[in-house]
């Protein structure tokens, strides 16, 4: 019961504070259900499989930007260790986070670390496909890892760090 309420409040807060559309719009909720916008799109695996390397890189960058936006709002999704199950690419283009039942409002959120971990370092089918298409060598993976470590330290110290450009460069 509280999970439904927490999910609705998290979605509303993100909708109000986000400059990007990264969650479905909530129309109404009760203690038992949420009436929200229906998102039609593709899974991360479908996007990775159907995209050219250049298209995939652009879509991954938009996903990274969305995860950073979620971090800046201060909400941790809570289930992005299974990133493929919690993101829909609306019209195959824009990433939309779904299923905020385990979300928490905290200031040291680490959605970007969970997303990047699942995109570039996991052994699941999506991660393997993404690494192959983006030609993720050990050097590129090390660059991403170092950027994420710096981001995590800065977040703990309450500093704002712009890592989008660094991650984009690391993927080149």
N, C-alpha and C. Protein backbone atom coordinates (compact mmCIF):
# COMPACT_ATOMS: atom_id res chain seq x y z
N UNK A 1 0.83 -1.18 0.00
CA UNK A 1 0.00 0.00 0.00
C UNK A 1 0.88 1.26 0.00
N UNK A 2 1.87 1.32 0.89
CA UNK A 2 2.75 2.48 0.94
C UNK A 2 3.63 2.56 -0.30
N UNK A 3 3.95 1.39 -0.89
CA UNK A 3 4.78 1.40 -2.09
C UNK A 3 4.08 2.13 -3.23
N UNK A 4 2.76 1.94 -3.35
CA UNK A 4 2.00 2.61 -4.40
C UNK A 4 2.02 4.11 -4.18
N UNK A 5 1.80 4.53 -2.95
CA UNK A 5 1.81 5.95 -2.61
C UNK A 5 3.21 6.55 -2.86
N UNK A 6 4.25 5.84 -2.42
CA UNK A 6 5.62 6.32 -2.61
C UNK A 6 5.94 6.42 -4.10
N UNK A 7 5.51 5.43 -4.88
CA UNK A 7 5.77 5.46 -6.31
C UNK A 7 5.07 6.66 -6.96
N UNK A 8 3.82 6.90 -6.62
CA UNK A 8 3.08 8.03 -7.18
C UNK A 8 3.74 9.36 -6.80
N UNK A 9 4.16 9.49 -5.55
CA UNK A 9 4.80 10.74 -5.11
C UNK A 9 6.16 10.93 -5.79
N UNK A 10 6.91 9.85 -5.95
CA UNK A 10 8.20 9.94 -6.64
C UNK A 10 8.00 10.38 -8.08
N UNK A 11 7.05 9.76 -8.77
CA UNK A 11 6.78 10.11 -10.16
C UNK A 11 6.34 11.57 -10.29
N UNK A 12 5.49 12.02 -9.38
CA UNK A 12 5.04 13.42 -9.42
C UNK A 12 6.19 14.38 -9.17
N UNK A 13 7.01 14.08 -8.16
CA UNK A 13 8.14 14.95 -7.86
C UNK A 13 9.10 15.04 -9.05
N UNK A 14 9.39 13.92 -9.66
CA UNK A 14 10.28 13.92 -10.83
C UNK A 14 9.64 14.71 -11.97
N UNK A 15 8.35 14.49 -12.18
CA UNK A 15 7.65 15.23 -13.23
C UNK A 15 7.70 16.73 -13.03
N UNK A 16 7.59 17.18 -11.79
CA UNK A 16 7.62 18.61 -11.48
C UNK A 16 9.01 19.21 -11.62
N UNK A 17 10.04 18.46 -11.18
CA UNK A 17 11.38 19.02 -11.09
C UNK A 17 12.26 18.75 -12.32
N UNK A 18 11.87 17.82 -13.14
CA UNK A 18 12.71 17.42 -14.26
C UNK A 18 12.55 18.37 -15.45
N UNK A 19 13.69 18.72 -16.04
CA UNK A 19 13.64 19.52 -17.26
C UNK A 19 13.45 18.61 -18.47
N UNK A 20 13.72 17.34 -18.30
CA UNK A 20 13.51 16.33 -19.34
C UNK A 20 12.28 15.51 -18.96
N UNK A 21 11.63 14.94 -19.93
CA UNK A 21 10.52 14.03 -19.62
C UNK A 21 11.14 12.64 -19.45
N UNK A 22 11.29 12.22 -18.17
CA UNK A 22 11.98 10.95 -17.93
C UNK A 22 11.10 9.95 -17.20
N UNK A 23 9.84 10.33 -16.89
CA UNK A 23 8.90 9.42 -16.23
C UNK A 23 7.51 9.62 -16.84
N UNK A 24 6.63 8.62 -16.72
CA UNK A 24 5.26 8.81 -17.19
C UNK A 24 4.52 9.82 -16.31
N UNK A 25 3.59 10.53 -16.89
CA UNK A 25 2.78 11.49 -16.15
C UNK A 25 1.75 10.75 -15.31
N UNK A 26 1.62 11.16 -14.04
CA UNK A 26 0.62 10.58 -13.15
C UNK A 26 -0.63 11.43 -13.23
N UNK A 27 -1.76 10.79 -13.52
CA UNK A 27 -3.03 11.50 -13.59
C UNK A 27 -3.76 11.48 -12.25
N UNK A 28 -3.70 10.34 -11.57
CA UNK A 28 -4.40 10.20 -10.30
C UNK A 28 -3.85 8.98 -9.58
N UNK A 29 -4.04 8.95 -8.28
CA UNK A 29 -3.67 7.73 -7.55
C UNK A 29 -4.52 7.60 -6.29
N UNK A 30 -4.65 6.38 -5.84
CA UNK A 30 -5.25 6.07 -4.55
C UNK A 30 -4.19 5.31 -3.77
N UNK A 31 -4.56 4.79 -2.63
CA UNK A 31 -3.61 3.98 -1.86
C UNK A 31 -3.29 2.67 -2.56
N UNK A 32 -4.14 2.28 -3.53
CA UNK A 32 -4.02 0.96 -4.13
C UNK A 32 -3.59 0.94 -5.59
N UNK A 33 -3.72 2.07 -6.29
CA UNK A 33 -3.36 2.06 -7.71
C UNK A 33 -2.97 3.46 -8.19
N UNK A 34 -2.29 3.47 -9.33
CA UNK A 34 -1.86 4.71 -9.96
C UNK A 34 -2.41 4.72 -11.39
N UNK A 35 -3.03 5.81 -11.76
CA UNK A 35 -3.46 6.02 -13.13
C UNK A 35 -2.42 6.94 -13.77
N UNK A 36 -1.69 6.40 -14.74
CA UNK A 36 -0.62 7.19 -15.35
C UNK A 36 -0.62 7.04 -16.85
N UNK A 37 0.14 7.90 -17.48
CA UNK A 37 0.31 7.88 -18.92
C UNK A 37 0.86 6.54 -19.38
N UNK A 38 0.33 6.06 -20.49
CA UNK A 38 0.84 4.82 -21.08
C UNK A 38 1.99 5.18 -22.01
N UNK A 39 3.11 4.54 -21.79
CA UNK A 39 4.30 4.79 -22.61
C UNK A 39 4.44 3.64 -23.60
N UNK A 40 4.47 3.99 -24.88
CA UNK A 40 4.70 2.98 -25.90
C UNK A 40 6.12 3.14 -26.40
N UNK A 41 6.80 2.04 -26.46
CA UNK A 41 8.17 2.13 -26.90
C UNK A 41 8.85 0.79 -26.97
N UNK A 42 10.16 0.84 -26.84
CA UNK A 42 10.98 -0.37 -26.96
C UNK A 42 11.84 -0.54 -25.73
N UNK A 43 12.20 -1.77 -25.47
CA UNK A 43 13.10 -2.07 -24.36
C UNK A 43 14.52 -1.67 -24.73
N UNK A 44 15.37 -1.60 -23.75
CA UNK A 44 16.78 -1.29 -23.99
C UNK A 44 17.40 -2.32 -24.93
N UNK A 45 17.07 -3.59 -24.74
CA UNK A 45 17.62 -4.63 -25.61
C UNK A 45 17.18 -4.42 -27.06
N UNK A 46 15.89 -4.13 -27.26
CA UNK A 46 15.39 -3.89 -28.62
C UNK A 46 16.09 -2.70 -29.27
N UNK A 47 16.26 -1.63 -28.50
CA UNK A 47 16.94 -0.44 -29.00
C UNK A 47 18.39 -0.77 -29.36
N UNK A 48 19.07 -1.50 -28.49
CA UNK A 48 20.47 -1.86 -28.74
C UNK A 48 20.58 -2.75 -29.98
N UNK A 49 19.66 -3.67 -30.13
CA UNK A 49 19.72 -4.61 -31.25
C UNK A 49 19.42 -3.94 -32.59
N UNK A 50 18.45 -3.00 -32.59
CA UNK A 50 17.99 -2.40 -33.84
C UNK A 50 18.79 -1.17 -34.27
N UNK A 51 19.55 -0.58 -33.38
CA UNK A 51 20.25 0.67 -33.67
C UNK A 51 21.62 0.43 -34.29
N UNK A 52 22.04 1.37 -35.12
CA UNK A 52 23.42 1.36 -35.60
C UNK A 52 24.30 1.81 -34.43
N UNK A 53 25.60 1.59 -34.49
CA UNK A 53 26.47 2.06 -33.39
C UNK A 53 26.32 3.56 -33.10
N UNK A 54 26.19 4.37 -34.14
CA UNK A 54 26.05 5.82 -33.93
C UNK A 54 24.71 6.14 -33.25
N UNK A 55 23.64 5.51 -33.72
CA UNK A 55 22.32 5.72 -33.10
C UNK A 55 22.32 5.23 -31.65
N UNK A 56 22.94 4.08 -31.43
CA UNK A 56 22.98 3.51 -30.07
C UNK A 56 23.74 4.43 -29.13
N UNK A 57 24.86 4.97 -29.58
CA UNK A 57 25.63 5.89 -28.74
C UNK A 57 24.77 7.10 -28.36
N UNK A 58 24.04 7.66 -29.32
CA UNK A 58 23.18 8.81 -29.05
C UNK A 58 22.10 8.45 -28.02
N UNK A 59 21.53 7.26 -28.15
CA UNK A 59 20.48 6.83 -27.23
C UNK A 59 21.04 6.53 -25.83
N UNK A 60 22.24 5.96 -25.78
CA UNK A 60 22.90 5.70 -24.50
C UNK A 60 23.22 7.03 -23.82
N UNK A 61 23.67 8.00 -24.58
CA UNK A 61 23.95 9.32 -24.01
C UNK A 61 22.68 9.94 -23.44
N UNK A 62 21.56 9.80 -24.15
CA UNK A 62 20.30 10.35 -23.62
C UNK A 62 19.87 9.60 -22.36
N UNK A 63 20.18 8.31 -22.27
CA UNK A 63 19.89 7.55 -21.06
C UNK A 63 20.77 8.02 -19.90
N UNK A 64 22.04 8.26 -20.18
CA UNK A 64 22.96 8.76 -19.16
C UNK A 64 22.49 10.13 -18.67
N UNK A 65 22.09 11.00 -19.60
CA UNK A 65 21.58 12.33 -19.22
C UNK A 65 20.33 12.20 -18.34
N UNK A 66 19.45 11.25 -18.67
CA UNK A 66 18.24 11.04 -17.87
C UNK A 66 18.58 10.53 -16.47
N UNK A 67 19.57 9.64 -16.37
CA UNK A 67 19.98 9.13 -15.06
C UNK A 67 20.62 10.24 -14.22
N UNK A 68 21.39 11.11 -14.85
CA UNK A 68 21.99 12.24 -14.15
C UNK A 68 20.89 13.18 -13.67
N UNK A 69 19.88 13.40 -14.50
CA UNK A 69 18.74 14.24 -14.12
C UNK A 69 18.04 13.65 -12.89
N UNK A 70 17.86 12.35 -12.89
CA UNK A 70 17.23 11.68 -11.74
C UNK A 70 18.07 11.85 -10.49
N UNK A 71 19.39 11.74 -10.63
CA UNK A 71 20.30 11.97 -9.50
C UNK A 71 20.17 13.40 -8.98
N UNK A 72 20.10 14.37 -9.89
CA UNK A 72 20.04 15.77 -9.47
C UNK A 72 18.76 16.09 -8.71
N UNK A 73 17.70 15.34 -8.97
CA UNK A 73 16.43 15.54 -8.26
C UNK A 73 16.50 14.93 -6.87
N UNK A 74 17.39 13.95 -6.68
CA UNK A 74 17.57 13.35 -5.37
C UNK A 74 16.71 12.13 -5.12
N UNK A 75 16.29 11.47 -6.18
CA UNK A 75 15.51 10.23 -6.03
C UNK A 75 16.32 9.09 -6.59
N UNK A 76 16.47 8.05 -5.78
CA UNK A 76 17.13 6.85 -6.27
C UNK A 76 16.04 5.87 -6.69
N UNK A 77 16.15 5.35 -7.88
CA UNK A 77 15.14 4.46 -8.43
C UNK A 77 15.02 3.20 -7.58
N UNK A 78 16.13 2.59 -7.28
CA UNK A 78 16.14 1.42 -6.41
C UNK A 78 16.21 0.09 -7.12
N UNK A 79 15.95 0.07 -8.43
CA UNK A 79 15.97 -1.20 -9.14
C UNK A 79 16.69 -1.12 -10.48
N UNK A 80 17.59 -0.18 -10.61
CA UNK A 80 18.29 -0.03 -11.89
C UNK A 80 19.42 -1.02 -12.08
N UNK A 81 19.58 -1.93 -11.13
CA UNK A 81 20.52 -3.03 -11.35
C UNK A 81 19.96 -3.97 -12.42
N UNK A 82 18.68 -3.83 -12.70
CA UNK A 82 18.04 -4.52 -13.83
C UNK A 82 17.51 -3.44 -14.78
N UNK A 83 18.44 -2.67 -15.32
CA UNK A 83 18.11 -1.48 -16.10
C UNK A 83 17.19 -1.81 -17.28
N UNK A 84 17.35 -2.94 -17.89
CA UNK A 84 16.52 -3.32 -19.03
C UNK A 84 15.05 -3.50 -18.69
N UNK A 85 14.75 -3.77 -17.43
CA UNK A 85 13.36 -3.97 -17.00
C UNK A 85 12.69 -2.68 -16.56
N UNK A 86 13.43 -1.59 -16.44
CA UNK A 86 12.88 -0.38 -15.84
C UNK A 86 13.03 0.86 -16.71
N UNK A 87 13.34 0.65 -17.98
CA UNK A 87 13.45 1.77 -18.92
C UNK A 87 12.75 1.37 -20.21
N UNK A 88 11.92 2.28 -20.70
CA UNK A 88 11.30 2.12 -22.01
C UNK A 88 11.77 3.30 -22.85
N UNK A 89 12.19 3.02 -24.06
CA UNK A 89 12.55 4.10 -24.98
C UNK A 89 11.30 4.47 -25.76
N UNK A 90 10.70 5.61 -25.36
CA UNK A 90 9.47 6.08 -26.00
C UNK A 90 9.74 6.31 -27.48
N UNK A 91 8.90 5.68 -28.30
CA UNK A 91 9.07 5.74 -29.76
C UNK A 91 10.47 5.30 -30.19
N UNK A 92 11.11 4.47 -29.37
CA UNK A 92 12.45 3.99 -29.69
C UNK A 92 13.54 5.02 -29.53
N UNK A 93 13.23 6.19 -28.95
CA UNK A 93 14.19 7.30 -28.89
C UNK A 93 14.50 7.77 -27.48
N UNK A 94 13.49 8.24 -26.76
CA UNK A 94 13.69 8.91 -25.47
C UNK A 94 13.52 7.92 -24.31
N UNK A 95 14.51 7.84 -23.41
CA UNK A 95 14.40 6.91 -22.28
C UNK A 95 13.41 7.42 -21.22
N UNK A 96 12.53 6.52 -20.79
CA UNK A 96 11.55 6.81 -19.75
C UNK A 96 11.74 5.76 -18.65
N UNK A 97 11.98 6.23 -17.42
CA UNK A 97 12.10 5.32 -16.29
C UNK A 97 10.71 4.91 -15.82
N UNK A 98 10.55 3.63 -15.51
CA UNK A 98 9.27 3.12 -15.01
C UNK A 98 9.50 2.33 -13.72
N UNK A 99 8.43 2.04 -13.02
CA UNK A 99 8.43 1.19 -11.83
C UNK A 99 9.28 1.78 -10.70
N UNK A 100 8.72 2.78 -10.02
CA UNK A 100 9.39 3.44 -8.91
C UNK A 100 8.91 2.91 -7.56
N UNK A 101 8.43 1.68 -7.51
CA UNK A 101 7.93 1.09 -6.26
C UNK A 101 8.97 0.95 -5.17
N UNK A 102 10.24 0.88 -5.54
CA UNK A 102 11.32 0.76 -4.55
C UNK A 102 12.11 2.05 -4.40
N UNK A 103 11.59 3.15 -4.92
CA UNK A 103 12.34 4.40 -4.91
C UNK A 103 12.47 4.99 -3.52
N UNK A 104 13.51 5.82 -3.39
CA UNK A 104 13.77 6.53 -2.14
C UNK A 104 14.17 7.95 -2.48
N UNK A 105 13.77 8.88 -1.62
CA UNK A 105 14.19 10.26 -1.78
C UNK A 105 15.39 10.47 -0.89
N UNK A 106 16.54 10.62 -1.53
CA UNK A 106 17.79 10.85 -0.80
C UNK A 106 18.66 11.80 -1.60
N UNK A 107 19.61 12.42 -0.94
CA UNK A 107 20.43 13.40 -1.63
C UNK A 107 21.67 12.79 -2.29
N UNK A 108 22.03 11.59 -1.93
CA UNK A 108 23.23 10.97 -2.51
C UNK A 108 22.84 9.84 -3.46
N UNK A 109 21.87 10.08 -4.29
CA UNK A 109 21.41 9.04 -5.21
C UNK A 109 22.49 8.66 -6.20
N UNK A 110 22.44 7.43 -6.66
CA UNK A 110 23.48 6.92 -7.54
C UNK A 110 22.89 6.18 -8.73
N UNK A 111 21.86 6.74 -9.33
CA UNK A 111 21.24 6.11 -10.50
C UNK A 111 22.23 5.98 -11.64
N UNK A 112 23.07 7.00 -11.84
CA UNK A 112 24.01 6.97 -12.95
C UNK A 112 25.00 5.82 -12.80
N UNK A 113 25.44 5.55 -11.59
CA UNK A 113 26.39 4.45 -11.37
C UNK A 113 25.72 3.11 -11.68
N UNK A 114 24.46 2.95 -11.24
CA UNK A 114 23.75 1.70 -11.53
C UNK A 114 23.52 1.53 -13.02
N UNK A 115 23.11 2.60 -13.69
CA UNK A 115 22.85 2.52 -15.13
C UNK A 115 24.13 2.17 -15.88
N UNK A 116 25.21 2.90 -15.62
CA UNK A 116 26.47 2.66 -16.32
C UNK A 116 27.02 1.27 -16.02
N UNK A 117 26.86 0.84 -14.79
CA UNK A 117 27.31 -0.51 -14.43
C UNK A 117 26.60 -1.56 -15.27
N UNK A 118 25.29 -1.39 -15.43
CA UNK A 118 24.52 -2.35 -16.20
C UNK A 118 24.74 -2.21 -17.71
N UNK A 119 25.03 -1.00 -18.17
CA UNK A 119 25.26 -0.80 -19.60
C UNK A 119 26.61 -1.33 -20.05
N UNK A 120 27.65 -1.11 -19.23
CA UNK A 120 29.01 -1.34 -19.69
C UNK A 120 29.78 -2.45 -18.98
N UNK A 121 29.35 -2.89 -17.82
CA UNK A 121 30.17 -3.82 -17.04
C UNK A 121 29.50 -5.15 -16.71
N UNK A 122 28.22 -5.27 -16.92
CA UNK A 122 27.48 -6.48 -16.58
C UNK A 122 27.71 -7.56 -17.63
N UNK A 123 27.34 -8.77 -17.32
CA UNK A 123 27.44 -9.87 -18.28
C UNK A 123 26.09 -10.25 -18.86
N UNK A 124 25.07 -9.39 -18.66
CA UNK A 124 23.76 -9.71 -19.23
C UNK A 124 23.77 -9.46 -20.74
N UNK A 125 22.76 -9.94 -21.43
CA UNK A 125 22.71 -9.87 -22.89
C UNK A 125 22.72 -8.43 -23.40
N UNK A 126 22.04 -7.53 -22.71
CA UNK A 126 21.99 -6.13 -23.14
C UNK A 126 23.38 -5.51 -23.06
N UNK A 127 24.05 -5.70 -21.95
CA UNK A 127 25.37 -5.12 -21.74
C UNK A 127 26.38 -5.66 -22.76
N UNK A 128 26.35 -6.94 -23.00
CA UNK A 128 27.26 -7.55 -23.97
C UNK A 128 27.02 -6.96 -25.36
N UNK A 129 25.75 -6.84 -25.75
CA UNK A 129 25.41 -6.28 -27.06
C UNK A 129 25.86 -4.83 -27.17
N UNK A 130 25.63 -4.04 -26.13
CA UNK A 130 26.04 -2.62 -26.14
C UNK A 130 27.56 -2.50 -26.24
N UNK A 131 28.28 -3.29 -25.45
CA UNK A 131 29.75 -3.23 -25.51
C UNK A 131 30.26 -3.60 -26.90
N UNK A 132 29.66 -4.61 -27.52
CA UNK A 132 30.08 -5.01 -28.86
C UNK A 132 29.82 -3.90 -29.87
N UNK A 133 28.61 -3.33 -29.84
CA UNK A 133 28.26 -2.30 -30.83
C UNK A 133 29.04 -1.01 -30.64
N UNK A 134 29.37 -0.67 -29.38
CA UNK A 134 30.12 0.56 -29.12
C UNK A 134 31.62 0.33 -29.05
N UNK A 135 32.04 -0.92 -29.33
CA UNK A 135 33.45 -1.27 -29.30
C UNK A 135 34.09 -0.84 -27.99
N UNK A 136 33.50 -1.29 -26.89
CA UNK A 136 33.95 -0.91 -25.54
C UNK A 136 35.20 -1.72 -25.18
N UNK A 137 36.34 -1.15 -25.45
CA UNK A 137 37.61 -1.78 -25.10
C UNK A 137 37.85 -1.64 -23.60
N UNK A 138 38.87 -2.30 -23.12
CA UNK A 138 39.24 -2.17 -21.72
C UNK A 138 39.59 -0.74 -21.35
N UNK A 139 40.21 -0.02 -22.27
CA UNK A 139 40.58 1.38 -22.03
C UNK A 139 39.33 2.23 -21.84
N UNK A 140 38.34 2.05 -22.73
CA UNK A 140 37.08 2.82 -22.60
C UNK A 140 36.37 2.49 -21.30
N UNK A 141 36.34 1.21 -20.94
CA UNK A 141 35.68 0.80 -19.69
C UNK A 141 36.40 1.42 -18.50
N UNK A 142 37.73 1.45 -18.53
CA UNK A 142 38.49 2.06 -17.44
C UNK A 142 38.19 3.55 -17.33
N UNK A 143 38.08 4.23 -18.47
CA UNK A 143 37.74 5.67 -18.46
C UNK A 143 36.39 5.90 -17.80
N UNK A 144 35.39 5.11 -18.21
CA UNK A 144 34.04 5.24 -17.64
C UNK A 144 34.09 4.99 -16.14
N UNK A 145 34.79 3.95 -15.73
CA UNK A 145 34.89 3.61 -14.31
C UNK A 145 35.52 4.74 -13.51
N UNK A 146 36.58 5.34 -14.02
CA UNK A 146 37.24 6.46 -13.32
C UNK A 146 36.31 7.67 -13.21
N UNK A 147 35.58 7.95 -14.26
CA UNK A 147 34.62 9.07 -14.23
C UNK A 147 33.55 8.82 -13.18
N UNK A 148 33.04 7.60 -13.12
CA UNK A 148 32.01 7.26 -12.14
C UNK A 148 32.54 7.34 -10.71
N UNK A 149 33.78 6.94 -10.51
CA UNK A 149 34.38 7.04 -9.17
C UNK A 149 34.49 8.50 -8.72
N UNK A 150 34.94 9.37 -9.63
CA UNK A 150 35.04 10.80 -9.31
C UNK A 150 33.67 11.39 -9.02
N UNK A 151 32.67 10.99 -9.78
CA UNK A 151 31.30 11.46 -9.59
C UNK A 151 30.77 11.05 -8.21
N UNK A 152 31.04 9.81 -7.84
CA UNK A 152 30.56 9.30 -6.55
C UNK A 152 31.20 10.06 -5.39
N UNK A 153 32.50 10.31 -5.47
CA UNK A 153 33.19 11.06 -4.43
C UNK A 153 32.64 12.48 -4.34
N UNK A 154 32.45 13.12 -5.48
CA UNK A 154 31.92 14.49 -5.50
C UNK A 154 30.51 14.54 -4.91
N UNK A 155 29.67 13.56 -5.24
CA UNK A 155 28.30 13.53 -4.70
C UNK A 155 28.32 13.39 -3.18
N UNK A 156 29.22 12.54 -2.66
CA UNK A 156 29.33 12.36 -1.20
C UNK A 156 29.73 13.66 -0.51
N UNK A 157 30.55 14.45 -1.21
CA UNK A 157 31.01 15.72 -0.64
C UNK A 157 30.03 16.86 -0.91
N UNK A 158 28.91 16.55 -1.58
CA UNK A 158 27.90 17.55 -1.85
C UNK A 158 28.24 18.49 -3.00
N UNK A 159 29.19 18.08 -3.83
CA UNK A 159 29.60 18.91 -4.96
C UNK A 159 28.83 18.51 -6.22
N UNK A 160 28.57 19.48 -7.06
CA UNK A 160 27.94 19.20 -8.35
C UNK A 160 29.03 18.99 -9.39
N UNK A 161 28.97 17.88 -10.08
CA UNK A 161 29.97 17.56 -11.09
C UNK A 161 29.24 17.27 -12.39
N UNK A 162 29.69 17.90 -13.46
CA UNK A 162 29.12 17.65 -14.77
C UNK A 162 29.94 16.55 -15.44
N UNK A 163 29.38 15.35 -15.49
CA UNK A 163 30.13 14.22 -16.06
C UNK A 163 29.65 13.83 -17.44
N UNK A 164 28.60 14.49 -17.93
CA UNK A 164 28.04 14.10 -19.21
C UNK A 164 29.09 14.17 -20.32
N UNK A 165 29.79 15.30 -20.41
CA UNK A 165 30.79 15.47 -21.47
C UNK A 165 31.92 14.45 -21.33
N UNK A 166 32.34 14.20 -20.09
CA UNK A 166 33.42 13.23 -19.85
C UNK A 166 32.99 11.83 -20.29
N UNK A 167 31.76 11.45 -19.99
CA UNK A 167 31.27 10.13 -20.40
C UNK A 167 31.14 10.04 -21.91
N UNK A 168 30.69 11.10 -22.54
CA UNK A 168 30.57 11.11 -24.00
C UNK A 168 31.96 10.92 -24.64
N UNK A 169 32.95 11.64 -24.12
CA UNK A 169 34.32 11.50 -24.63
C UNK A 169 34.86 10.09 -24.38
N UNK A 170 34.52 9.51 -23.23
CA UNK A 170 35.01 8.16 -22.91
C UNK A 170 34.45 7.11 -23.86
N UNK A 171 33.28 7.39 -24.43
CA UNK A 171 32.67 6.43 -25.35
C UNK A 171 33.20 6.55 -26.77
N UNK A 172 33.95 7.62 -27.05
CA UNK A 172 34.53 7.79 -28.41
C UNK A 172 35.73 6.93 -28.63
